[in-house]
Amino acid sequence: MQFSGPFRDSNGASRYVRTTYWALGQDRLAGLAVEAGFVDPGWRMPQETGFFQPLLVARASK
């Protein structure tokens, strides 16, 4: 998904901003964390943390 469009900064000047949003599944995101060197990835659910989204928790490898 991409978002783009003209926006005004705090001074009223126009700026054009473009970004890409990636929606990754839990398995894919946990796999990317392992590929990056993290270990024991796990998920904490919103009812457990109070956050709106699930939270990925992993440890840095030694």
PDB file of N, CA and C in Angstrom:
ATOM      1  N   MET A   1       0.844  -1.152   0.000  1.00  0.00           N
ATOM      2  CA  MET A   1       0.000   0.000   0.000  1.00  0.00           C
ATOM      3  C   MET A   1       0.898   1.226   0.000  1.00  0.00           C
ATOM      4  N   GLN A   2       0.554   2.216  -0.750  1.00  0.00           N
ATOM      5  CA  GLN A   2       1.333   3.442  -0.798  1.00  0.00           C
ATOM      6  C   GLN A   2       0.463   4.630  -0.419  1.00  0.00           C
ATOM      7  N   PHE A   3       1.055   5.557   0.300  1.00  0.00           N
ATOM      8  CA  PHE A   3       0.392   6.805   0.633  1.00  0.00           C
ATOM      9  C   PHE A   3       1.220   7.923   0.027  1.00  0.00           C
ATOM     10  N   SER A   4       0.555   8.864  -0.585  1.00  0.00           N
ATOM     11  CA  SER A   4       1.282  10.013  -1.113  1.00  0.00           C
ATOM     12  C   SER A   4       0.322  11.181  -1.221  1.00  0.00           C
ATOM     13  N   GLY A   5       0.890  12.342  -1.295  1.00  0.00           N
ATOM     14  CA  GLY A   5       0.060  13.510  -1.480  1.00  0.00           C
ATOM     15  C   GLY A   5       0.704  14.762  -0.948  1.00  0.00           C
ATOM     16  N   PRO A   6       0.106  15.894  -1.276  1.00  0.00           N
ATOM     17  CA  PRO A   6       0.632  17.162  -0.783  1.00  0.00           C
ATOM     18  C   PRO A   6       0.206  17.380   0.673  1.00  0.00           C
ATOM     19  N   PHE A   7       1.121  17.903   1.466  1.00  0.00           N
ATOM     20  CA  PHE A   7       0.852  18.219   2.861  1.00  0.00           C
ATOM     21  C   PHE A   7       1.431  19.592   3.153  1.00  0.00           C
ATOM     22  N   ARG A   8       0.955  20.219   4.196  1.00  0.00           N
ATOM     23  CA  ARG A   8       1.494  21.509   4.619  1.00  0.00           C
ATOM     24  C   ARG A   8       2.245  21.308   5.933  1.00  0.00           C
ATOM     25  N   ASP A   9       3.448  21.887   6.036  1.00  0.00           N
ATOM     26  CA  ASP A   9       4.203  21.797   7.279  1.00  0.00           C
ATOM     27  C   ASP A   9       3.704  22.858   8.258  1.00  0.00           C
ATOM     28  N   SER A  10       4.351  22.959   9.413  1.00  0.00           N
ATOM     29  CA  SER A  10       3.895  23.888  10.460  1.00  0.00           C
ATOM     30  C   SER A  10       3.987  25.357  10.048  1.00  0.00           C
ATOM     31  N   ASN A  11       4.783  25.656   9.020  1.00  0.00           N
ATOM     32  CA  ASN A  11       4.901  27.033   8.516  1.00  0.00           C
ATOM     33  C   ASN A  11       3.937  27.320   7.380  1.00  0.00           C
ATOM     34  N   GLY A  12       3.144  26.330   6.991  1.00  0.00           N
ATOM     35  CA  GLY A  12       2.187  26.516   5.914  1.00  0.00           C
ATOM     36  C   GLY A  12       2.742  26.224   4.533  1.00  0.00           C
ATOM     37  N   ALA A  13       4.017  25.820   4.468  1.00  0.00           N
ATOM     38  CA  ALA A  13       4.625  25.509   3.179  1.00  0.00           C
ATOM     39  C   ALA A  13       4.155  24.132   2.703  1.00  0.00           C
ATOM     40  N   SER A  14       3.914  24.018   1.411  1.00  0.00           N
ATOM     41  CA  SER A  14       3.482  22.742   0.838  1.00  0.00           C
ATOM     42  C   SER A  14       4.667  21.817   0.650  1.00  0.00           C
ATOM     43  N   ARG A  15       4.434  20.553   0.932  1.00  0.00           N
ATOM     44  CA  ARG A  15       5.443  19.520   0.721  1.00  0.00           C
ATOM     45  C   ARG A  15       4.742  18.312   0.131  1.00  0.00           C
ATOM     46  N   TYR A  16       5.472  17.554  -0.648  1.00  0.00           N
ATOM     47  CA  TYR A  16       4.940  16.327  -1.214  1.00  0.00           C
ATOM     48  C   TYR A  16       5.675  15.167  -0.553  1.00  0.00           C
ATOM     49  N   VAL A  17       4.909  14.254   0.033  1.00  0.00           N
ATOM     50  CA  VAL A  17       5.490  13.134   0.764  1.00  0.00           C
ATOM     51  C   VAL A  17       4.968  11.833   0.173  1.00  0.00           C
ATOM     52  N   ARG A  18       5.854  10.853   0.064  1.00  0.00           N
ATOM     53  CA  ARG A  18       5.454   9.547  -0.455  1.00  0.00           C
ATOM     54  C   ARG A  18       6.098   8.468   0.411  1.00  0.00           C
ATOM     55  N   THR A  19       5.329   7.460   0.777  1.00  0.00           N
ATOM     56  CA  THR A  19       5.853   6.369   1.587  1.00  0.00           C
ATOM     57  C   THR A  19       5.179   5.062   1.195  1.00  0.00           C
ATOM     58  N   THR A  20       5.775   3.958   1.568  1.00  0.00           N
ATOM     59  CA  THR A  20       5.204   2.638   1.306  1.00  0.00           C
ATOM     60  C   THR A  20       4.967   1.942   2.629  1.00  0.00           C
ATOM     61  N   TYR A  21       3.816   1.335   2.780  1.00  0.00           N
ATOM     62  CA  TYR A  21       3.428   0.626   3.984  1.00  0.00           C
ATOM     63  C   TYR A  21       3.412  -0.860   3.684  1.00  0.00           C
ATOM     64  N   TRP A  22       4.089  -1.654   4.495  1.00  0.00           N
ATOM     65  CA  TRP A  22       4.128  -3.101   4.309  1.00  0.00           C
ATOM     66  C   TRP A  22       3.367  -3.772   5.442  1.00  0.00           C
ATOM     67  N   ALA A  23       2.368  -4.540   5.111  1.00  0.00           N
ATOM     68  CA  ALA A  23       1.629  -5.316   6.107  1.00  0.00           C
ATOM     69  C   ALA A  23       2.201  -6.728   6.100  1.00  0.00           C
ATOM     70  N   LEU A  24       2.933  -7.080   7.158  1.00  0.00           N
ATOM     71  CA  LEU A  24       3.563  -8.389   7.253  1.00  0.00           C
ATOM     72  C   LEU A  24       2.823  -9.241   8.273  1.00  0.00           C
ATOM     73  N   GLY A  25       2.669 -10.517   7.970  1.00  0.00           N
ATOM     74  CA  GLY A  25       2.064 -11.445   8.912  1.00  0.00           C
ATOM     75  C   GLY A  25       3.020 -11.737  10.063  1.00  0.00           C
ATOM     76  N   GLN A  26       2.483 -12.285  11.137  1.00  0.00           N
ATOM     77  CA  GLN A  26       3.306 -12.563  12.309  1.00  0.00           C
ATOM     78  C   GLN A  26       4.436 -13.542  11.997  1.00  0.00           C
ATOM     79  N   ASP A  27       4.155 -14.597  11.256  1.00  0.00           N
ATOM     80  CA  ASP A  27       5.202 -15.565  10.918  1.00  0.00           C
ATOM     81  C   ASP A  27       6.312 -14.926  10.095  1.00  0.00           C
ATOM     82  N   ARG A  28       5.954 -14.096   9.140  1.00  0.00           N
ATOM     83  CA  ARG A  28       6.950 -13.440   8.290  1.00  0.00           C
ATOM     84  C   ARG A  28       7.816 -12.474   9.095  1.00  0.00           C
ATOM     85  N   LEU A  29       7.183 -11.687   9.951  1.00  0.00           N
ATOM     86  CA  LEU A  29       7.933 -10.718  10.742  1.00  0.00           C
ATOM     87  C   LEU A  29       8.850 -11.421  11.745  1.00  0.00           C
ATOM     88  N   ALA A  30       8.374 -12.480  12.385  1.00  0.00           N
ATOM     89  CA  ALA A  30       9.218 -13.242  13.311  1.00  0.00           C
ATOM     90  C   ALA A  30      10.388 -13.868  12.555  1.00  0.00           C
ATOM     91  N   GLY A  31      10.149 -14.369  11.343  1.00  0.00           N
ATOM     92  CA  GLY A  31      11.217 -14.932  10.517  1.00  0.00           C
ATOM     93  C   GLY A  31      12.267 -13.896  10.153  1.00  0.00           C
ATOM     94  N   LEU A  32      11.840 -12.691   9.848  1.00  0.00           N
ATOM     95  CA  LEU A  32      12.786 -11.618   9.537  1.00  0.00           C
ATOM     96  C   LEU A  32      13.622 -11.264  10.768  1.00  0.00           C
ATOM     97  N   ALA A  33      13.013 -11.299  11.942  1.00  0.00           N
ATOM     98  CA  ALA A  33      13.760 -11.022  13.171  1.00  0.00           C
ATOM     99  C   ALA A  33      14.843 -12.082  13.379  1.00  0.00           C
ATOM    100  N   VAL A  34      14.503 -13.357  13.141  1.00  0.00           N
ATOM    101  CA  VAL A  34      15.483 -14.441  13.275  1.00  0.00           C
ATOM    102  C   VAL A  34      16.604 -14.259  12.249  1.00  0.00           C
ATOM    103  N   GLU A  35      16.260 -13.925  11.021  1.00  0.00           N
ATOM    104  CA  GLU A  35      17.274 -13.682   9.987  1.00  0.00           C
ATOM    105  C   GLU A  35      18.204 -12.533  10.378  1.00  0.00           C
ATOM    106  N   ALA A  36      17.683 -11.577  11.135  1.00  0.00           N
ATOM    107  CA  ALA A  36      18.485 -10.423  11.563  1.00  0.00           C
ATOM    108  C   ALA A  36      19.332 -10.734  12.792  1.00  0.00           C
ATOM    109  N   GLY A  37      19.210 -11.962  13.320  1.00  0.00           N
ATOM    110  CA  GLY A  37      20.051 -12.349  14.442  1.00  0.00           C
ATOM    111  C   GLY A  37      19.365 -12.432  15.785  1.00  0.00           C
ATOM    112  N   PHE A  38      18.072 -12.219  15.843  1.00  0.00           N
ATOM    113  CA  PHE A  38      17.342 -12.332  17.099  1.00  0.00           C
ATOM    114  C   PHE A  38      16.952 -13.788  17.337  1.00  0.00           C
ATOM    115  N   VAL A  39      16.730 -14.140  18.605  1.00  0.00           N
ATOM    116  CA  VAL A  39      16.350 -15.507  18.953  1.00  0.00           C
ATOM    117  C   VAL A  39      15.081 -15.490  19.803  1.00  0.00           C
ATOM    118  N   ASP A  40      14.425 -16.629  19.854  1.00  0.00           N
ATOM    119  CA  ASP A  40      13.208 -16.828  20.659  1.00  0.00           C
ATOM    120  C   ASP A  40      12.123 -15.780  20.400  1.00  0.00           C
ATOM    121  N   PRO A  41      11.767 -15.528  19.145  1.00  0.00           N
ATOM    122  CA  PRO A  41      10.704 -14.547  18.917  1.00  0.00           C
ATOM    123  C   PRO A  41       9.376 -15.080  19.446  1.00  0.00           C
ATOM    124  N   GLY A  42       8.605 -14.202  19.981  1.00  0.00           N
ATOM    125  CA  GLY A  42       7.280 -14.558  20.482  1.00  0.00           C
ATOM    126  C   GLY A  42       6.362 -13.358  20.405  1.00  0.00           C
ATOM    127  N   TRP A  43       5.088 -13.599  20.527  1.00  0.00           N
ATOM    128  CA  TRP A  43       4.099 -12.533  20.391  1.00  0.00           C
ATOM    129  C   TRP A  43       3.351 -12.324  21.695  1.00  0.00           C
ATOM    130  N   ARG A  44       3.115 -11.075  22.046  1.00  0.00           N
ATOM    131  CA  ARG A  44       2.266 -10.698  23.177  1.00  0.00           C
ATOM    132  C   ARG A  44       1.024 -10.060  22.575  1.00  0.00           C
ATOM    133  N   MET A  45      -0.101 -10.549  22.979  1.00  0.00           N
ATOM    134  CA  MET A  45      -1.371 -10.106  22.399  1.00  0.00           C
ATOM    135  C   MET A  45      -1.910  -8.850  23.106  1.00  0.00           C
ATOM    136  N   PRO A  46      -2.778  -8.101  22.417  1.00  0.00           N
ATOM    137  CA  PRO A  46      -3.303  -6.844  22.974  1.00  0.00           C
ATOM    138  C   PRO A  46      -3.949  -7.000  24.352  1.00  0.00           C
ATOM    139  N   GLN A  47      -4.666  -8.071  24.585  1.00  0.00           N
ATOM    140  CA  GLN A  47      -5.313  -8.235  25.889  1.00  0.00           C
ATOM    141  C   GLN A  47      -4.291  -8.438  27.009  1.00  0.00           C
ATOM    142  N   GLU A  48      -3.083  -8.835  26.641  1.00  0.00           N
ATOM    143  CA  GLU A  48      -1.999  -9.051  27.601  1.00  0.00           C
ATOM    144  C   GLU A  48      -1.202  -7.766  27.846  1.00  0.00           C
ATOM    145  N   THR A  49      -1.033  -6.942  26.806  1.00  0.00           N
ATOM    146  CA  THR A  49      -0.159  -5.770  26.903  1.00  0.00           C
ATOM    147  C   THR A  49      -0.896  -4.441  27.021  1.00  0.00           C
ATOM    148  N   GLY A  50      -2.120  -4.386  26.519  1.00  0.00           N
ATOM    149  CA  GLY A  50      -2.844  -3.120  26.482  1.00  0.00           C
ATOM    150  C   GLY A  50      -2.574  -2.311  25.227  1.00  0.00           C
ATOM    151  N   PHE A  51      -1.617  -2.765  24.397  1.00  0.00           N
ATOM    152  CA  PHE A  51      -1.374  -2.103  23.118  1.00  0.00           C
ATOM    153  C   PHE A  51      -2.439  -2.542  22.112  1.00  0.00           C
ATOM    154  N   PHE A  52      -2.685  -1.725  21.104  1.00  0.00           N
ATOM    155  CA  PHE A  52      -3.695  -2.034  20.091  1.00  0.00           C
ATOM    156  C   PHE A  52      -3.260  -3.185  19.195  1.00  0.00           C
ATOM    157  N   GLN A  53      -1.972  -3.249  18.854  1.00  0.00           N
ATOM    158  CA  GLN A  53      -1.438  -4.266  17.954  1.00  0.00           C
ATOM    159  C   GLN A  53      -0.688  -5.335  18.742  1.00  0.00           C
ATOM    160  N   PRO A  54      -0.572  -6.540  18.199  1.00  0.00           N
ATOM    161  CA  PRO A  54       0.296  -7.546  18.809  1.00  0.00           C
ATOM    162  C   PRO A  54       1.736  -7.021  18.862  1.00  0.00           C
ATOM    163  N   LEU A  55       2.494  -7.435  19.864  1.00  0.00           N
ATOM    164  CA  LEU A  55       3.846  -6.955  20.083  1.00  0.00           C
ATOM    165  C   LEU A  55       4.829  -8.104  19.917  1.00  0.00           C
ATOM    166  N   LEU A  56       5.796  -7.952  19.015  1.00  0.00           N
ATOM    167  CA  LEU A  56       6.836  -8.956  18.803  1.00  0.00           C
ATOM    168  C   LEU A  56       7.935  -8.749  19.848  1.00  0.00           C
ATOM    169  N   VAL A  57       8.275  -9.816  20.553  1.00  0.00           N
ATOM    170  CA  VAL A  57       9.329  -9.773  21.561  1.00  0.00           C
ATOM    171  C   VAL A  57      10.365 -10.814  21.180  1.00  0.00           C
ATOM    172  N   ALA A  58      11.648 -10.435  21.143  1.00  0.00           N
ATOM    173  CA  ALA A  58      12.739 -11.361  20.815  1.00  0.00           C
ATOM    174  C   ALA A  58      13.988 -10.878  21.537  1.00  0.00           C
ATOM    175  N   ARG A  59      14.948 -11.791  21.691  1.00  0.00           N
ATOM    176  CA  ARG A  59      16.209 -11.445  22.345  1.00  0.00           C
ATOM    177  C   ARG A  59      17.320 -11.372  21.297  1.00  0.00           C
ATOM    178  N   ALA A  60      18.277 -10.502  21.568  1.00  0.00           N
ATOM    179  CA  ALA A  60      19.465 -10.425  20.718  1.00  0.00           C
ATOM    180  C   ALA A  60      20.313 -11.663  20.993  1.00  0.00           C
ATOM    181  N   SER A  61      20.831 -12.287  19.958  1.00  0.00           N
ATOM    182  CA  SER A  61      21.688 -13.463  20.153  1.00  0.00           C
ATOM    183  C   SER A  61      23.022 -13.029  20.734  1.00  0.00           C
ATOM    184  N   LYS A  62      23.664 -13.954  21.416  1.00  0.00           N
ATOM    185  CA  LYS A  62      24.955 -13.634  22.056  1.00  0.00           C
ATOM    186  C   LYS A  62      26.107 -13.796  21.099  1.00  0.00           C
TER     187      LYS A  62
END
